[in-house]
Amino acid sequence: MSDVQKGSCFCGAVEIEVSGEPEAMGYCHCESCRSWSAGPVNAFTLWKPEAVKVTKGGDKLTMFEKNESSQRQFCSQCGGHVMTGHKGFGLVDVYAATIPTQKFSPGVHVNYAETVLPIKDGLPKMRDFPAELGGSGETMEE
């Protein structure tokens, strides 16, 4: 598989590339991600900002900043979700479904205290975030 993978929004007007390997992959159970993704859980891939590049349709990429740790970006043409910047973490979440060639290998569940869909998969269940990202670092039972 290539070191560079491509993805796009729902209509294809915005295209992105990610290079290298993600820093982490997993599932977020927070109310904010559930609401944004219109699903009971959100699958994420986290990248360093320099590994993510908008290659087409940058003028159609719109941002909504709910709070300073969440800059959600989507296509103004189709509304398709593309990625979320996390300035405080120094990472960009490119939604797992945005990069169809990326093998999704989740390693953790975050914000599991807010889950509405318990998942028994043997992965660590973080109450909120890992301590190195400003969370409690506490894990929960499945």
Protein backbone atom coordinates (compact mmCIF):
# COMPACT_ATOMS: atom_id res chain seq x y z
CA MET A 1 0.00 0.00 0.00
CA SER A 2 1.16 3.51 -0.81
CA ASP A 3 2.52 5.81 1.87
CA VAL A 4 -0.02 8.41 0.63
CA GLN A 5 -3.74 7.70 0.79
CA LYS A 6 -6.53 9.77 -0.66
CA GLY A 7 -9.99 10.58 0.53
CA SER A 8 -12.82 12.98 -0.14
CA CYS A 9 -16.07 14.41 1.09
CA PHE A 10 -19.41 12.85 0.14
CA CYS A 11 -19.63 14.53 -3.30
CA GLY A 12 -15.89 14.54 -4.07
CA ALA A 13 -15.55 18.34 -4.29
CA VAL A 14 -13.04 18.32 -1.41
CA GLU A 15 -10.16 15.88 -1.65
CA ILE A 16 -7.46 15.19 0.91
CA GLU A 17 -4.30 13.14 1.24
CA VAL A 18 -2.81 11.62 4.34
CA SER A 19 0.76 10.41 4.44
CA GLY A 20 2.53 7.95 6.68
CA GLU A 21 0.75 6.22 9.52
CA PRO A 22 -1.86 7.68 11.86
CA GLU A 23 -0.84 8.46 15.43
CA ALA A 24 -3.85 6.54 16.74
CA MET A 25 -7.16 5.04 15.70
CA GLY A 26 -10.21 4.32 17.74
CA TYR A 27 -13.74 5.21 18.68
CA CYS A 28 -15.13 8.31 20.38
CA HIS A 29 -18.34 8.01 22.38
CA CYS A 30 -18.82 11.65 23.43
CA GLU A 31 -22.16 13.36 22.87
CA SER A 32 -20.55 15.94 20.59
CA CYS A 33 -19.05 13.35 18.21
CA ARG A 34 -22.26 11.30 18.27
CA SER A 35 -24.32 14.33 17.34
CA TRP A 36 -21.88 15.43 14.61
CA SER A 37 -21.59 11.97 13.06
CA ALA A 38 -25.32 11.18 13.45
CA GLY A 39 -24.33 7.82 14.91
CA PRO A 40 -23.92 6.14 18.29
CA VAL A 41 -20.11 6.18 17.99
CA ASN A 42 -17.50 7.96 15.83
CA ALA A 43 -14.50 6.16 14.28
CA PHE A 44 -11.39 8.33 14.22
CA THR A 45 -7.90 8.30 12.77
CA LEU A 46 -5.54 10.86 14.32
CA TRP A 47 -2.74 12.41 12.28
CA LYS A 48 -0.10 15.07 12.80
CA PRO A 49 -1.24 18.20 10.92
CA GLU A 50 1.70 18.02 8.49
CA ALA A 51 0.53 14.54 7.38
CA VAL A 52 -2.84 15.88 6.17
CA LYS A 53 -3.14 17.91 2.97
CA VAL A 54 -6.19 19.30 1.18
CA THR A 55 -5.48 18.69 -2.52
CA LYS A 56 -8.73 19.88 -4.09
CA GLY A 57 -11.65 22.06 -3.10
CA GLY A 58 -10.02 23.97 -0.27
CA ASP A 59 -12.38 26.84 -1.09
CA LYS A 60 -15.32 24.53 -0.35
CA LEU A 61 -13.97 23.37 3.02
CA THR A 62 -15.96 25.05 5.77
CA MET A 63 -15.25 24.96 9.50
CA PHE A 64 -17.43 24.99 12.58
CA GLU A 65 -15.59 25.54 15.86
CA LYS A 66 -17.81 24.35 18.72
CA ASN A 67 -14.97 24.89 21.19
CA GLU A 68 -11.24 25.53 21.01
CA SER A 69 -10.40 21.82 20.95
CA SER A 70 -12.72 21.00 18.04
CA GLN A 71 -12.55 22.55 14.56
CA ARG A 72 -14.95 20.40 12.51
CA GLN A 73 -14.45 20.74 8.76
CA PHE A 74 -16.97 19.81 6.09
CA CYS A 75 -17.78 20.43 2.43
CA SER A 76 -19.98 23.49 1.84
CA GLN A 77 -21.32 21.87 -1.34
CA CYS A 78 -22.59 18.51 0.03
CA GLY A 79 -22.18 18.88 3.80
CA GLY A 80 -19.93 15.82 3.88
CA HIS A 81 -17.71 15.60 6.94
CA VAL A 82 -13.99 15.51 6.23
CA MET A 83 -11.94 16.07 9.39
CA THR A 84 -11.70 17.77 12.76
CA GLY A 85 -8.75 19.81 13.94
CA HIS A 86 -7.77 19.39 17.57
CA LYS A 87 -5.45 22.36 18.16
CA GLY A 88 -4.90 21.56 21.82
CA PHE A 89 -3.80 18.02 21.01
CA GLY A 90 -1.73 18.99 17.96
CA LEU A 91 -3.63 16.40 15.91
CA VAL A 92 -6.17 16.17 13.11
CA ASP A 93 -8.95 13.60 13.14
CA VAL A 94 -9.61 12.44 9.62
CA TYR A 95 -12.79 10.41 9.91
CA ALA A 96 -12.11 6.74 9.25
CA ALA A 97 -14.71 6.61 6.48
CA THR A 98 -13.07 9.57 4.69
CA ILE A 99 -10.01 7.45 3.82
CA PRO A 100 -11.42 4.24 2.32
CA THR A 101 -8.01 2.62 1.74
CA GLN A 102 -6.81 3.10 5.33
CA LYS A 103 -7.00 -0.20 7.20
CA PHE A 104 -8.91 0.74 10.31
CA SER A 105 -7.21 -0.84 13.31
CA PRO A 106 -8.78 0.73 16.39
CA GLY A 107 -6.74 0.70 19.57
CA VAL A 108 -8.92 2.51 22.11
CA HIS A 109 -12.34 3.85 23.01
CA VAL A 110 -12.38 7.42 24.37
CA ASN A 111 -15.10 9.18 26.34
CA TYR A 112 -16.59 5.78 27.13
CA ALA A 113 -18.35 7.21 30.20
CA GLU A 114 -20.76 8.83 27.70
CA THR A 115 -21.42 5.72 25.61
CA VAL A 116 -24.91 4.88 24.37
CA LEU A 117 -23.63 1.78 22.57
CA PRO A 118 -21.54 -0.49 24.79
CA ILE A 119 -18.99 -2.39 22.68
CA LYS A 120 -17.29 -5.52 23.99
CA ASP A 121 -14.19 -5.84 21.84
CA GLY A 122 -11.38 -6.14 24.39
CA LEU A 123 -9.97 -2.67 23.63
CA PRO A 124 -9.20 -0.23 26.47
CA LYS A 125 -12.18 1.93 27.43
CA MET A 126 -11.03 5.38 28.55
CA ARG A 127 -13.42 7.26 30.86
CA ASP A 128 -12.52 10.44 28.97
CA PHE A 129 -9.11 10.97 27.34
CA PRO A 130 -5.62 9.62 27.98
CA ALA A 131 -3.71 11.69 30.56
CA GLU A 132 -1.20 12.86 27.92
CA LEU A 133 -4.10 14.57 26.11
CA GLY A 134 -5.42 16.25 29.24
CA GLY A 135 -7.86 13.57 30.37
CA SER A 136 -8.01 11.56 33.55
CA GLY A 137 -6.32 8.55 31.98
CA GLU A 138 -8.82 6.35 33.81
CA THR A 139 -10.10 3.20 32.15
CA MET A 140 -13.49 1.55 32.61
CA GLU A 141 -14.80 -1.99 32.50
CA GLU A 142 -16.37 -3.21 29.26
